[in-house]
Amino acid sequence: MKKIFFWSSLALVLGILFFLILTNTVSTPNTDPKLLSASVQVPSRLSELTPWLIQKESQFLSLKPWAAKKILWADPAHKSKTKISLVYLHGYSATRKEISPSVEDLAAQIGANVFFTRYT
């Protein structure tokens, strides 16, 4: 009985220590909107968004073309806001091509713009 109590107590103490060490060493990201908006300058004109995205994505040399961020405009000739916009964020190791053309078809049916983004 004493052995069970000893090992249970030891496991509890080690678990608490592990938790305390983990919570004190893992920092949370700073999500202050002022800092986030100051670090990224997004163009205010819709016509400038696609070239801006292409320029930003070109910095990642190993990025495959089908994995890059992209805007699919409801009307590519007249880039404008739509009543509904879709944002597609794929799974961690996936790309937008794994579900294509489902998102594109849905956007066409409802007349929406689509922003294909990624985690990194």
Foldseek 3Di string as FASTA:
>chain_A
DVVVVVVVVVVVVVVVVVVVVVVVPDDDDDPDVVVVPVVDDADPDQVCRAVVQVVVQVVDVPDDPQAGKGKAALDVVDRDADPDAEEDEDDQPDGPVVPPPPVVVVCNVVSYMYIYHYDD
